[in-house]
Amino acid sequence: MKKILKKVFSRTVIEPFVTLVSSILILEYIIFPGLTIDNTLTNIGAGLIAFIMTIFILTYVDNKIKDKFEKKEDKPNQAPTKENEDGKI
């Protein structure tokens, strides 16, 4: 049970969920009401917040895609070697 909870509530699962929920809440309670108010400064501010949030979400998704499909070229199980002053191992 403990292992299942650790897998479900790991950072790789929680982070996209929190990002999605927070962006939906920002859209619902800040951006949409700010764009429908008759105040021009509020409209500009809400549009600016929407632009910044769009840039953030696109960057976040792009980084996640790169991390997912990027090939890891690490050589596993190789111990680092130490060289003497002569260059001999």
C-alpha atoms as a PDB file:
ATOM      1  CA  MET A   1       0.000   0.000   0.000  1.00  0.00           C
ATOM      2  CA  LYS A   2       2.839   2.343   0.891  1.00  0.00           C
ATOM      3  CA  LYS A   3       4.569   1.737  -2.457  1.00  0.00           C
ATOM      4  CA  ILE A   4       1.369   2.438  -4.371  1.00  0.00           C
ATOM      5  CA  LEU A   5       0.858   5.722  -2.525  1.00  0.00           C
ATOM      6  CA  LYS A   6       4.450   6.738  -3.230  1.00  0.00           C
ATOM      7  CA  LYS A   7       3.944   6.052  -6.948  1.00  0.00           C
ATOM      8  CA  VAL A   8       0.616   7.885  -7.105  1.00  0.00           C
ATOM      9  CA  PHE A   9       1.802  10.907  -5.118  1.00  0.00           C
ATOM     10  CA  SER A  10       5.260  11.180  -6.644  1.00  0.00           C
ATOM     11  CA  ARG A  11       6.548  14.499  -7.948  1.00  0.00           C
ATOM     12  CA  THR A  12       6.270  13.375 -11.571  1.00  0.00           C
ATOM     13  CA  VAL A  13       2.524  12.804 -11.121  1.00  0.00           C
ATOM     14  CA  ILE A  14       1.663  15.704  -8.821  1.00  0.00           C
ATOM     15  CA  GLU A  15       3.562  18.460 -10.676  1.00  0.00           C
ATOM     16  CA  PRO A  16       1.559  18.355 -13.959  1.00  0.00           C
ATOM     17  CA  PHE A  17      -1.696  18.059 -12.013  1.00  0.00           C
ATOM     18  CA  VAL A  18      -0.919  21.112  -9.867  1.00  0.00           C
ATOM     19  CA  THR A  19       0.132  23.076 -12.960  1.00  0.00           C
ATOM     20  CA  LEU A  20      -3.102  22.189 -14.760  1.00  0.00           C
ATOM     21  CA  VAL A  21      -5.365  22.987 -11.812  1.00  0.00           C
ATOM     22  CA  SER A  22      -3.622  26.266 -11.004  1.00  0.00           C
ATOM     23  CA  SER A  23      -3.760  27.431 -14.636  1.00  0.00           C
ATOM     24  CA  ILE A  24      -7.476  26.618 -14.821  1.00  0.00           C
ATOM     25  CA  LEU A  25      -8.108  28.542 -11.583  1.00  0.00           C
ATOM     26  CA  ILE A  26      -6.138  31.538 -12.854  1.00  0.00           C
ATOM     27  CA  LEU A  27      -8.158  31.493 -16.073  1.00  0.00           C
ATOM     28  CA  GLU A  28     -11.462  31.130 -14.243  1.00  0.00           C
ATOM     29  CA  TYR A  29     -11.008  33.691 -11.475  1.00  0.00           C
ATOM     30  CA  ILE A  30      -8.472  36.235 -12.756  1.00  0.00           C
ATOM     31  CA  ILE A  31      -8.224  36.357 -16.540  1.00  0.00           C
ATOM     32  CA  PHE A  32     -11.825  35.885 -17.694  1.00  0.00           C
ATOM     33  CA  PRO A  33     -13.331  38.326 -15.154  1.00  0.00           C
ATOM     34  CA  GLY A  34     -10.511  40.797 -15.841  1.00  0.00           C
ATOM     35  CA  LEU A  35     -11.248  40.774 -19.550  1.00  0.00           C
ATOM     36  CA  THR A  36     -14.988  41.376 -19.075  1.00  0.00           C
ATOM     37  CA  ILE A  37     -14.682  44.371 -16.714  1.00  0.00           C
ATOM     38  CA  ASP A  38     -15.214  47.864 -18.192  1.00  0.00           C
ATOM     39  CA  ASN A  39     -11.868  49.110 -16.826  1.00  0.00           C
ATOM     40  CA  THR A  40      -9.168  49.381 -19.513  1.00  0.00           C
ATOM     41  CA  LEU A  41      -6.228  48.944 -17.134  1.00  0.00           C
ATOM     42  CA  THR A  42      -7.778  45.774 -15.732  1.00  0.00           C
ATOM     43  CA  ASN A  43      -8.277  44.487 -19.278  1.00  0.00           C
ATOM     44  CA  ILE A  44      -4.637  45.141 -20.121  1.00  0.00           C
ATOM     45  CA  GLY A  45      -3.459  43.518 -16.880  1.00  0.00           C
ATOM     46  CA  ALA A  46      -5.591  40.424 -17.435  1.00  0.00           C
ATOM     47  CA  GLY A  47      -4.317  40.172 -21.008  1.00  0.00           C
ATOM     48  CA  LEU A  48      -0.739  40.455 -19.786  1.00  0.00           C
ATOM     49  CA  ILE A  49      -1.312  37.736 -17.181  1.00  0.00           C
ATOM     50  CA  ALA A  50      -2.871  35.536 -19.876  1.00  0.00           C
ATOM     51  CA  PHE A  51       0.130  36.096 -22.148  1.00  0.00           C
ATOM     52  CA  ILE A  52       2.622  35.257 -19.374  1.00  0.00           C
ATOM     53  CA  MET A  53       0.646  32.171 -18.383  1.00  0.00           C
ATOM     54  CA  THR A  54       0.522  30.989 -22.013  1.00  0.00           C
ATOM     55  CA  ILE A  55       4.304  31.368 -22.341  1.00  0.00           C
ATOM     56  CA  PHE A  56       4.804  29.479 -19.053  1.00  0.00           C
ATOM     57  CA  ILE A  57       2.521  26.602 -20.046  1.00  0.00           C
ATOM     58  CA  LEU A  58       4.075  26.248 -23.503  1.00  0.00           C
ATOM     59  CA  THR A  59       7.582  26.236 -22.011  1.00  0.00           C
ATOM     60  CA  TYR A  60       6.552  23.727 -19.346  1.00  0.00           C
ATOM     61  CA  VAL A  61       4.997  21.350 -21.880  1.00  0.00           C
ATOM     62  CA  ASP A  62       7.985  21.691 -24.225  1.00  0.00           C
ATOM     63  CA  ASN A  63      10.412  20.828 -21.412  1.00  0.00           C
ATOM     64  CA  LYS A  64       8.329  17.825 -20.376  1.00  0.00           C
ATOM     65  CA  ILE A  65       8.259  16.538 -23.960  1.00  0.00           C
ATOM     66  CA  LYS A  66      12.015  17.010 -24.315  1.00  0.00           C
ATOM     67  CA  ASP A  67      12.652  15.211 -21.015  1.00  0.00           C
ATOM     68  CA  LYS A  68      10.402  12.338 -22.034  1.00  0.00           C
ATOM     69  CA  PHE A  69      11.867  11.697 -25.472  1.00  0.00           C
ATOM     70  CA  GLU A  70      15.448  12.798 -24.996  1.00  0.00           C
ATOM     71  CA  LYS A  71      17.864   9.908 -25.206  1.00  0.00           C
ATOM     72  CA  LYS A  72      20.025   9.436 -22.195  1.00  0.00           C
ATOM     73  CA  GLU A  73      23.564   8.678 -23.287  1.00  0.00           C
ATOM     74  CA  ASP A  74      24.924   7.938 -19.849  1.00  0.00           C
ATOM     75  CA  LYS A  75      27.073   4.868 -19.555  1.00  0.00           C
ATOM     76  CA  PRO A  76      25.683   2.876 -16.620  1.00  0.00           C
ATOM     77  CA  ASN A  77      27.836   1.048 -14.097  1.00  0.00           C
ATOM     78  CA  GLN A  78      31.145   2.612 -15.058  1.00  0.00           C
ATOM     79  CA  ALA A  79      33.353   3.618 -12.197  1.00  0.00           C
ATOM     80  CA  PRO A  80      35.478   6.700 -12.700  1.00  0.00           C
ATOM     81  CA  THR A  81      39.142   5.951 -13.231  1.00  0.00           C
ATOM     82  CA  LYS A  82      41.998   7.789 -11.580  1.00  0.00           C
ATOM     83  CA  GLU A  83      45.141   8.567 -13.475  1.00  0.00           C
ATOM     84  CA  ASN A  84      48.611   9.030 -12.078  1.00  0.00           C
ATOM     85  CA  GLU A  85      50.791  11.981 -12.919  1.00  0.00           C
ATOM     86  CA  ASP A  86      52.282   9.934 -15.779  1.00  0.00           C
ATOM     87  CA  GLY A  87      48.867   9.405 -17.339  1.00  0.00           C
ATOM     88  CA  LYS A  88      48.875   5.699 -16.464  1.00  0.00           C
ATOM     89  CA  ILE A  89      45.985   4.088 -14.733  1.00  0.00           C
END
